[in-house]
Each structure stands twice: as C-alpha cells, then as structure tokens.
Amino acid sequence: MACVLGRHPQAEPELPCTFKKFRLSQIQVKFVLVTKDHTERALPPLKKALEKALRPTIRAWAFAPRSAIILNQALARKHGLIDTTS
C-alpha cells in the first residue's frame, strides 16, 4: 500500500501494472487472523481483543470499523483462505 501511495518510489518499478491502477479510496481492507485450535465459541473474545489492538491502525487509515476478522481453521477453509488439501 505504501508503494501505491508513492512512499517508496524505489520499489515502484516492481509493482505489477494492476497495483499501479488501484484507487485506494475504492479498496476495502480486511485484517484476517486465522487461529489453529479454537472453536467458534472461543472466537468472539479474540475478535474483541484484535479489534482493540488494531483500533489505532484502523482509525489512522480510515478503514471500516469492522475491518478485523478472526476465523478458526475450519472457517478459513470454508471461505477459501487456506489450503483445503493439507
């Protein structure tokens, strides 16, 4: 993201063309934490702690208030976020 914003001009040539065309005002950012051995019932307090820890970052970048997500392995597989063959 910093490269797209022009904060690291030395890395700009390495960016794919599609990244250079991003309009950051149109991008929705999500922070996703996948836990290994937690049940779905154990996720809400972890989500609350993650949201609290990320609050300064979310505010500074003007991301949506619910930008932090926490999933266990089963949910991450269901949403296609981790390899289903392992």
PDB file of N, CA and C in Angstrom:
ATOM      1  N   MET A   1       0.822  -1.178   0.000  1.00  0.00           N
ATOM      2  CA  MET A   1       0.000   0.000   0.000  1.00  0.00           C
ATOM      3  C   MET A   1       0.874   1.252   0.000  1.00  0.00           C
ATOM      4  N   ALA A   2       1.964   1.207   0.757  1.00  0.00           N
ATOM      5  CA  ALA A   2       2.855   2.367   0.811  1.00  0.00           C
ATOM      6  C   ALA A   2       3.454   2.652  -0.561  1.00  0.00           C
ATOM      7  N   CYS A   3       3.737   1.606  -1.323  1.00  0.00           N
ATOM      8  CA  CYS A   3       4.275   1.804  -2.676  1.00  0.00           C
ATOM      9  C   CYS A   3       3.244   2.469  -3.578  1.00  0.00           C
ATOM     10  N   VAL A   4       2.004   2.022  -3.477  1.00  0.00           N
ATOM     11  CA  VAL A   4       0.934   2.604  -4.287  1.00  0.00           C
ATOM     12  C   VAL A   4       0.747   4.076  -3.943  1.00  0.00           C
ATOM     13  N   LEU A   5       0.962   4.423  -2.678  1.00  0.00           N
ATOM     14  CA  LEU A   5       0.838   5.814  -2.245  1.00  0.00           C
ATOM     15  C   LEU A   5       2.053   6.657  -2.615  1.00  0.00           C
ATOM     16  N   GLY A   6       3.092   6.032  -3.175  1.00  0.00           N
ATOM     17  CA  GLY A   6       4.284   6.763  -3.580  1.00  0.00           C
ATOM     18  C   GLY A   6       5.274   7.001  -2.463  1.00  0.00           C
ATOM     19  N   ARG A   7       5.148   6.275  -1.369  1.00  0.00           N
ATOM     20  CA  ARG A   7       6.043   6.481  -0.227  1.00  0.00           C
ATOM     21  C   ARG A   7       7.353   5.720  -0.366  1.00  0.00           C
ATOM     22  N   HIS A   8       7.417   4.792  -1.293  1.00  0.00           N
ATOM     23  CA  HIS A   8       8.643   4.031  -1.550  1.00  0.00           C
ATOM     24  C   HIS A   8       8.905   4.020  -3.059  1.00  0.00           C
ATOM     25  N   PRO A   9       9.330   5.147  -3.616  1.00  0.00           N
ATOM     26  CA  PRO A   9       9.486   5.233  -5.069  1.00  0.00           C
ATOM     27  C   PRO A   9      10.490   4.236  -5.637  1.00  0.00           C
ATOM     28  N   GLN A  10      11.463   3.804  -4.840  1.00  0.00           N
ATOM     29  CA  GLN A  10      12.440   2.848  -5.339  1.00  0.00           C
ATOM     30  C   GLN A  10      11.797   1.491  -5.641  1.00  0.00           C
ATOM     31  N   ALA A  11      10.687   1.185  -5.022  1.00  0.00           N
ATOM     32  CA  ALA A  11      10.004  -0.089  -5.252  1.00  0.00           C
ATOM     33  C   ALA A  11       8.946   0.003  -6.348  1.00  0.00           C
ATOM     34  N   GLU A  12       8.649   1.183  -6.823  1.00  0.00           N
ATOM     35  CA  GLU A  12       7.593   1.388  -7.816  1.00  0.00           C
ATOM     36  C   GLU A  12       7.778   0.534  -9.075  1.00  0.00           C
ATOM     37  N   PRO A  13       8.989   0.391  -9.612  1.00  0.00           N
ATOM     38  CA  PRO A  13       9.137  -0.448 -10.813  1.00  0.00           C
ATOM     39  C   PRO A  13       8.773  -1.919 -10.588  1.00  0.00           C
ATOM     40  N   GLU A  14       8.794  -2.363  -9.350  1.00  0.00           N
ATOM     41  CA  GLU A  14       8.486  -3.762  -9.046  1.00  0.00           C
ATOM     42  C   GLU A  14       6.986  -4.033  -8.936  1.00  0.00           C
ATOM     43  N   LEU A  15       6.190  -2.986  -8.848  1.00  0.00           N
ATOM     44  CA  LEU A  15       4.744  -3.171  -8.711  1.00  0.00           C
ATOM     45  C   LEU A  15       4.129  -3.647 -10.023  1.00  0.00           C
ATOM     46  N   PRO A  16       3.248  -4.644  -9.965  1.00  0.00           N
ATOM     47  CA  PRO A  16       2.515  -5.040 -11.171  1.00  0.00           C
ATOM     48  C   PRO A  16       1.633  -3.887 -11.647  1.00  0.00           C
ATOM     49  N   CYS A  17       1.360  -3.851 -12.923  1.00  0.00           N
ATOM     50  CA  CYS A  17       0.540  -2.777 -13.505  1.00  0.00           C
ATOM     51  C   CYS A  17      -0.821  -2.656 -12.821  1.00  0.00           C
ATOM     52  N   THR A  18      -1.416  -3.791 -12.459  1.00  0.00           N
ATOM     53  CA  THR A  18      -2.733  -3.731 -11.814  1.00  0.00           C
ATOM     54  C   THR A  18      -2.670  -3.010 -10.473  1.00  0.00           C
ATOM     55  N   PHE A  19      -1.561  -3.156  -9.752  1.00  0.00           N
ATOM     56  CA  PHE A  19      -1.408  -2.450  -8.477  1.00  0.00           C
ATOM     57  C   PHE A  19      -1.284  -0.950  -8.706  1.00  0.00           C
ATOM     58  N   LYS A  20      -0.615  -0.566  -9.768  1.00  0.00           N
ATOM     59  CA  LYS A  20      -0.421   0.858 -10.052  1.00  0.00           C
ATOM     60  C   LYS A  20      -1.741   1.547 -10.392  1.00  0.00           C
ATOM     61  N   LYS A  21      -2.727   0.776 -10.812  1.00  0.00           N
ATOM     62  CA  LYS A  21      -4.021   1.343 -11.197  1.00  0.00           C
ATOM     63  C   LYS A  21      -5.019   1.409 -10.041  1.00  0.00           C
ATOM     64  N   PHE A  22      -4.638   0.863  -8.880  1.00  0.00           N
ATOM     65  CA  PHE A  22      -5.545   0.872  -7.729  1.00  0.00           C
ATOM     66  C   PHE A  22      -5.960   2.285  -7.362  1.00  0.00           C
ATOM     67  N   ARG A  23      -7.217   2.425  -7.046  1.00  0.00           N
ATOM     68  CA  ARG A  23      -7.719   3.658  -6.446  1.00  0.00           C
ATOM     69  C   ARG A  23      -7.960   3.322  -4.986  1.00  0.00           C
ATOM     70  N   LEU A  24      -7.060   3.757  -4.137  1.00  0.00           N
ATOM     71  CA  LEU A  24      -7.124   3.363  -2.733  1.00  0.00           C
ATOM     72  C   LEU A  24      -8.425   3.766  -2.054  1.00  0.00           C
ATOM     73  N   SER A  25      -9.063   4.797  -2.545  1.00  0.00           N
ATOM     74  CA  SER A  25     -10.339   5.202  -1.950  1.00  0.00           C
ATOM     75  C   SER A  25     -11.442   4.179  -2.234  1.00  0.00           C
ATOM     76  N   GLN A  26     -11.212   3.297  -3.189  1.00  0.00           N
ATOM     77  CA  GLN A  26     -12.209   2.297  -3.564  1.00  0.00           C
ATOM     78  C   GLN A  26     -11.912   0.907  -3.002  1.00  0.00           C
ATOM     79  N   ILE A  27     -10.816   0.763  -2.255  1.00  0.00           N
ATOM     80  CA  ILE A  27     -10.392  -0.543  -1.753  1.00  0.00           C
ATOM     81  C   ILE A  27     -10.873  -0.740  -0.321  1.00  0.00           C
ATOM     82  N   GLN A  28     -11.409  -1.923  -0.064  1.00  0.00           N
ATOM     83  CA  GLN A  28     -11.824  -2.283   1.292  1.00  0.00           C
ATOM     84  C   GLN A  28     -10.758  -3.212   1.870  1.00  0.00           C
ATOM     85  N   VAL A  29     -10.199  -2.847   3.010  1.00  0.00           N
ATOM     86  CA  VAL A  29      -9.139  -3.623   3.653  1.00  0.00           C
ATOM     87  C   VAL A  29      -9.727  -4.433   4.797  1.00  0.00           C
ATOM     88  N   LYS A  30      -9.310  -5.692   4.883  1.00  0.00           N
ATOM     89  CA  LYS A  30      -9.711  -6.571   5.985  1.00  0.00           C
ATOM     90  C   LYS A  30      -8.457  -7.180   6.594  1.00  0.00           C
ATOM     91  N   PHE A  31      -8.378  -7.155   7.912  1.00  0.00           N
ATOM     92  CA  PHE A  31      -7.325  -7.845   8.651  1.00  0.00           C
ATOM     93  C   PHE A  31      -7.920  -9.174   9.094  1.00  0.00           C
ATOM     94  N   VAL A  32      -7.326 -10.275   8.645  1.00  0.00           N
ATOM     95  CA  VAL A  32      -7.859 -11.595   8.966  1.00  0.00           C
ATOM     96  C   VAL A  32      -6.821 -12.371   9.759  1.00  0.00           C
ATOM     97  N   LEU A  33      -7.213 -12.812  10.945  1.00  0.00           N
ATOM     98  CA  LEU A  33      -6.367 -13.659  11.778  1.00  0.00           C
ATOM     99  C   LEU A  33      -7.002 -15.041  11.815  1.00  0.00           C
ATOM    100  N   VAL A  34      -6.226 -16.054  11.422  1.00  0.00           N
ATOM    101  CA  VAL A  34      -6.704 -17.432  11.456  1.00  0.00           C
ATOM    102  C   VAL A  34      -6.030 -18.136  12.626  1.00  0.00           C
ATOM    103  N   THR A  35      -6.853 -18.682  13.517  1.00  0.00           N
ATOM    104  CA  THR A  35      -6.324 -19.405  14.673  1.00  0.00           C
ATOM    105  C   THR A  35      -6.369 -20.898  14.390  1.00  0.00           C
ATOM    106  N   LYS A  36      -5.458 -21.613  15.003  1.00  0.00           N
ATOM    107  CA  LYS A  36      -5.340 -23.034  14.689  1.00  0.00           C
ATOM    108  C   LYS A  36      -6.304 -23.916  15.478  1.00  0.00           C
ATOM    109  N   ASP A  37      -6.339 -23.791  16.765  1.00  0.00           N
ATOM    110  CA  ASP A  37      -7.078 -24.754  17.586  1.00  0.00           C
ATOM    111  C   ASP A  37      -8.158 -24.109  18.451  1.00  0.00           C
ATOM    112  N   HIS A  38      -8.934 -23.206  17.882  1.00  0.00           N
ATOM    113  CA  HIS A  38     -10.004 -22.561  18.642  1.00  0.00           C
ATOM    114  C   HIS A  38     -11.361 -22.951  18.057  1.00  0.00           C
ATOM    115  N   THR A  39     -12.332 -23.119  18.940  1.00  0.00           N
ATOM    116  CA  THR A  39     -13.700 -23.380  18.490  1.00  0.00           C
ATOM    117  C   THR A  39     -14.339 -22.054  18.090  1.00  0.00           C
ATOM    118  N   GLU A  40     -15.460 -22.138  17.402  1.00  0.00           N
ATOM    119  CA  GLU A  40     -16.162 -20.909  17.015  1.00  0.00           C
ATOM    120  C   GLU A  40     -16.611 -20.121  18.238  1.00  0.00           C
ATOM    121  N   ARG A  41     -16.951 -20.817  19.314  1.00  0.00           N
ATOM    122  CA  ARG A  41     -17.387 -20.122  20.538  1.00  0.00           C
ATOM    123  C   ARG A  41     -16.260 -19.330  21.170  1.00  0.00           C
ATOM    124  N   ALA A  42     -15.019 -19.716  20.923  1.00  0.00           N
ATOM    125  CA  ALA A  42     -13.872 -19.018  21.515  1.00  0.00           C
ATOM    126  C   ALA A  42     -13.469 -17.783  20.715  1.00  0.00           C
ATOM    127  N   LEU A  43     -14.037 -17.596  19.540  1.00  0.00           N
ATOM    128  CA  LEU A  43     -13.601 -16.508  18.660  1.00  0.00           C
ATOM    129  C   LEU A  43     -14.055 -15.105  19.075  1.00  0.00           C
ATOM    130  N   PRO A  44     -15.273 -14.887  19.586  1.00  0.00           N
ATOM    131  CA  PRO A  44     -15.696 -13.513  19.911  1.00  0.00           C
ATOM    132  C   PRO A  44     -14.764 -12.741  20.843  1.00  0.00           C
ATOM    133  N   PRO A  45     -14.274 -13.319  21.958  1.00  0.00           N
ATOM    134  CA  PRO A  45     -13.359 -12.529  22.791  1.00  0.00           C
ATOM    135  C   PRO A  45     -12.030 -12.244  22.089  1.00  0.00           C
ATOM    136  N   LEU A  46     -11.596 -13.174  21.247  1.00  0.00           N
ATOM    137  CA  LEU A  46     -10.364 -12.936  20.483  1.00  0.00           C
ATOM    138  C   LEU A  46     -10.574 -11.811  19.473  1.00  0.00           C
ATOM    139  N   LYS A  47     -11.751 -11.797  18.841  1.00  0.00           N
ATOM    140  CA  LYS A  47     -12.069 -10.736  17.878  1.00  0.00           C
ATOM    141  C   LYS A  47     -12.090  -9.377  18.566  1.00  0.00           C
ATOM    142  N   LYS A  48     -12.667  -9.338  19.745  1.00  0.00           N
ATOM    143  CA  LYS A  48     -12.727  -8.084  20.500  1.00  0.00           C
ATOM    144  C   LYS A  48     -11.318  -7.583  20.820  1.00  0.00           C
ATOM    145  N   ALA A  49     -10.437  -8.488  21.227  1.00  0.00           N
ATOM    146  CA  ALA A  49      -9.052  -8.111  21.534  1.00  0.00           C
ATOM    147  C   ALA A  49      -8.313  -7.661  20.276  1.00  0.00           C
ATOM    148  N   LEU A  50      -8.550  -8.339  19.155  1.00  0.00           N
ATOM    149  CA  LEU A  50      -7.913  -7.954  17.893  1.00  0.00           C
ATOM    150  C   LEU A  50      -8.391  -6.574  17.449  1.00  0.00           C
ATOM    151  N   GLU A  51      -9.688  -6.328  17.537  1.00  0.00           N
ATOM    152  CA  GLU A  51     -10.227  -5.013  17.177  1.00  0.00           C
ATOM    153  C   GLU A  51      -9.624  -3.915  18.047  1.00  0.00           C
ATOM    154  N   LYS A  52      -9.475  -4.197  19.330  1.00  0.00           N
ATOM    155  CA  LYS A  52      -8.884  -3.209  20.237  1.00  0.00           C
ATOM    156  C   LYS A  52      -7.431  -2.934  19.861  1.00  0.00           C
ATOM    157  N   ALA A  53      -6.682  -3.984  19.564  1.00  0.00           N
ATOM    158  CA  ALA A  53      -5.272  -3.818  19.206  1.00  0.00           C
ATOM    159  C   ALA A  53      -5.100  -3.074  17.883  1.00  0.00           C
ATOM    160  N   LEU A  54      -6.019  -3.292  16.955  1.00  0.00           N
ATOM    161  CA  LEU A  54      -5.912  -2.663  15.634  1.00  0.00           C
ATOM    162  C   LEU A  54      -6.621  -1.314  15.537  1.00  0.00           C
ATOM    163  N   ARG A  55      -7.333  -0.922  16.577  1.00  0.00           N
ATOM    164  CA  ARG A  55      -8.110   0.325  16.532  1.00  0.00           C
ATOM    165  C   ARG A  55      -7.295   1.532  16.063  1.00  0.00           C
ATOM    166  N   PRO A  56      -6.083   1.768  16.593  1.00  0.00           N
ATOM    167  CA  PRO A  56      -5.318   2.925  16.107  1.00  0.00           C
ATOM    168  C   PRO A  56      -4.996   2.848  14.613  1.00  0.00           C
ATOM    169  N   THR A  57      -4.667   1.666  14.132  1.00  0.00           N
ATOM    170  CA  THR A  57      -4.359   1.490  12.708  1.00  0.00           C
ATOM    171  C   THR A  57      -5.606   1.701  11.864  1.00  0.00           C
ATOM    172  N   ILE A  58      -6.710   1.130  12.292  1.00  0.00           N
ATOM    173  CA  ILE A  58      -7.965   1.261  11.549  1.00  0.00           C
ATOM    174  C   ILE A  58      -8.397   2.721  11.472  1.00  0.00           C
ATOM    175  N   ARG A  59      -8.248   3.447  12.567  1.00  0.00           N
ATOM    176  CA  ARG A  59      -8.604   4.876  12.563  1.00  0.00           C
ATOM    177  C   ARG A  59      -7.638   5.693  11.708  1.00  0.00           C
ATOM    178  N   ALA A  60      -6.348   5.422  11.855  1.00  0.00           N
ATOM    179  CA  ALA A  60      -5.343   6.199  11.119  1.00  0.00           C
ATOM    180  C   ALA A  60      -5.518   6.070   9.609  1.00  0.00           C
ATOM    181  N   TRP A  61      -5.884   4.880   9.154  1.00  0.00           N
ATOM    182  CA  TRP A  61      -6.038   4.640   7.721  1.00  0.00           C
ATOM    183  C   TRP A  61      -7.478   4.822   7.258  1.00  0.00           C
ATOM    184  N   ALA A  62      -8.377   5.150   8.165  1.00  0.00           N
ATOM    185  CA  ALA A  62      -9.800   5.351   7.851  1.00  0.00           C
ATOM    186  C   ALA A  62     -10.421   4.100   7.230  1.00  0.00           C
ATOM    187  N   PHE A  63     -10.037   2.923   7.767  1.00  0.00           N
ATOM    188  CA  PHE A  63     -10.661   1.680   7.339  1.00  0.00           C
ATOM    189  C   PHE A  63     -12.021   1.566   8.016  1.00  0.00           C
ATOM    190  N   ALA A  64     -12.839   0.663   7.523  1.00  0.00           N
ATOM    191  CA  ALA A  64     -14.153   0.431   8.128  1.00  0.00           C
ATOM    192  C   ALA A  64     -13.978  -0.066   9.562  1.00  0.00           C
ATOM    193  N   PRO A  65     -14.884   0.300  10.466  1.00  0.00           N
ATOM    194  CA  PRO A  65     -14.746  -0.108  11.870  1.00  0.00           C
ATOM    195  C   PRO A  65     -14.655  -1.621  12.068  1.00  0.00           C
ATOM    196  N   ARG A  66     -15.285  -2.380  11.231  1.00  0.00           N
ATOM    197  CA  ARG A  66     -15.278  -3.848  11.354  1.00  0.00           C
ATOM    198  C   ARG A  66     -14.290  -4.480  10.371  1.00  0.00           C
ATOM    199  N   SER A  67     -13.104  -3.926  10.290  1.00  0.00           N
ATOM    200  CA  SER A  67     -12.086  -4.428   9.367  1.00  0.00           C
ATOM    201  C   SER A  67     -11.325  -5.627   9.899  1.00  0.00           C
ATOM    202  N   ALA A  68     -11.479  -5.943  11.171  1.00  0.00           N
ATOM    203  CA  ALA A  68     -10.757  -7.070  11.774  1.00  0.00           C
ATOM    204  C   ALA A  68     -11.669  -8.293  11.837  1.00  0.00           C
ATOM    205  N   ILE A  69     -11.146  -9.405  11.349  1.00  0.00           N
ATOM    206  CA  ILE A  69     -11.889 -10.658  11.333  1.00  0.00           C
ATOM    207  C   ILE A  69     -11.001 -11.732  11.940  1.00  0.00           C
ATOM    208  N   ILE A  70     -11.593 -12.610  12.725  1.00  0.00           N
ATOM    209  CA  ILE A  70     -10.848 -13.745  13.255  1.00  0.00           C
ATOM    210  C   ILE A  70     -11.619 -15.019  12.935  1.00  0.00           C
ATOM    211  N   LEU A  71     -10.907 -15.994  12.397  1.00  0.00           N
ATOM    212  CA  LEU A  71     -11.502 -17.264  11.997  1.00  0.00           C
ATOM    213  C   LEU A  71     -10.681 -18.414  12.557  1.00  0.00           C
ATOM    214  N   ASN A  72     -11.337 -19.547  12.778  1.00  0.00           N
ATOM    215  CA  ASN A  72     -10.570 -20.745  13.082  1.00  0.00           C
ATOM    216  C   ASN A  72     -10.252 -21.435  11.750  1.00  0.00           C
ATOM    217  N   GLN A  73      -9.513 -22.533  11.800  1.00  0.00           N
ATOM    218  CA  GLN A  73      -9.114 -23.196  10.556  1.00  0.00           C
ATOM    219  C   GLN A  73     -10.310 -23.652   9.732  1.00  0.00           C
ATOM    220  N   ALA A  74     -11.328 -24.180  10.387  1.00  0.00           N
ATOM    221  CA  ALA A  74     -12.493 -24.671   9.654  1.00  0.00           C
ATOM    222  C   ALA A  74     -13.177 -23.541   8.885  1.00  0.00           C
ATOM    223  N   LEU A  75     -13.357 -22.402   9.526  1.00  0.00           N
ATOM    224  CA  LEU A  75     -13.988 -21.260   8.852  1.00  0.00           C
ATOM    225  C   LEU A  75     -13.097 -20.714   7.741  1.00  0.00           C
ATOM    226  N   ALA A  76     -11.798 -20.684   7.977  1.00  0.00           N
ATOM    227  CA  ALA A  76     -10.871 -20.195   6.954  1.00  0.00           C
ATOM    228  C   ALA A  76     -10.900 -21.096   5.722  1.00  0.00           C
ATOM    229  N   ARG A  77     -10.976 -22.399   5.940  1.00  0.00           N
ATOM    230  CA  ARG A  77     -11.089 -23.330   4.805  1.00  0.00           C
ATOM    231  C   ARG A  77     -12.406 -23.104   4.066  1.00  0.00           C
ATOM    232  N   LYS A  78     -13.474 -22.949   4.820  1.00  0.00           N
ATOM    233  CA  LYS A  78     -14.803 -22.735   4.235  1.00  0.00           C
ATOM    234  C   LYS A  78     -14.811 -21.501   3.333  1.00  0.00           C
ATOM    235  N   HIS A  79     -14.088 -20.467   3.730  1.00  0.00           N
ATOM    236  CA  HIS A  79     -14.034 -19.220   2.959  1.00  0.00           C
ATOM    237  C   HIS A  79     -12.903 -19.210   1.930  1.00  0.00           C
ATOM    238  N   GLY A  80     -12.197 -20.333   1.795  1.00  0.00           N
ATOM    239  CA  GLY A  80     -11.143 -20.444   0.788  1.00  0.00           C
ATOM    240  C   GLY A  80      -9.881 -19.678   1.118  1.00  0.00           C
ATOM    241  N   LEU A  81      -9.645 -19.399   2.390  1.00  0.00           N
ATOM    242  CA  LEU A  81      -8.471 -18.617   2.774  1.00  0.00           C
ATOM    243  C   LEU A  81      -7.243 -19.471   3.043  1.00  0.00           C
ATOM    244  N   ILE A  82      -7.450 -20.754   3.305  1.00  0.00           N
ATOM    245  CA  ILE A  82      -6.309 -21.647   3.492  1.00  0.00           C
ATOM    246  C   ILE A  82      -6.506 -22.882   2.630  1.00  0.00           C
ATOM    247  N   ASP A  83      -5.419 -23.551   2.365  1.00  0.00           N
ATOM    248  CA  ASP A  83      -5.405 -24.727   1.506  1.00  0.00           C
ATOM    249  C   ASP A  83      -6.269 -25.832   2.102  1.00  0.00           C
ATOM    250  N   THR A  84      -7.148 -26.376   1.313  1.00  0.00           N
ATOM    251  CA  THR A  84      -8.026 -27.438   1.794  1.00  0.00           C
ATOM    252  C   THR A  84      -7.406 -28.819   1.646  1.00  0.00           C
ATOM    253  N   THR A  85      -6.233 -28.907   1.043  1.00  0.00           N
ATOM    254  CA  THR A  85      -5.604 -30.214   0.841  1.00  0.00           C
ATOM    255  C   THR A  85      -4.664 -30.594   1.968  1.00  0.00           C
ATOM    256  N   SER A  86      -4.394 -29.679   2.891  1.00  0.00           N
ATOM    257  CA  SER A  86      -3.464 -30.013   3.978  1.00  0.00           C
ATOM    258  C   SER A  86      -4.191 -30.340   5.252  1.00  0.00           C
TER     259      SER A  86
END
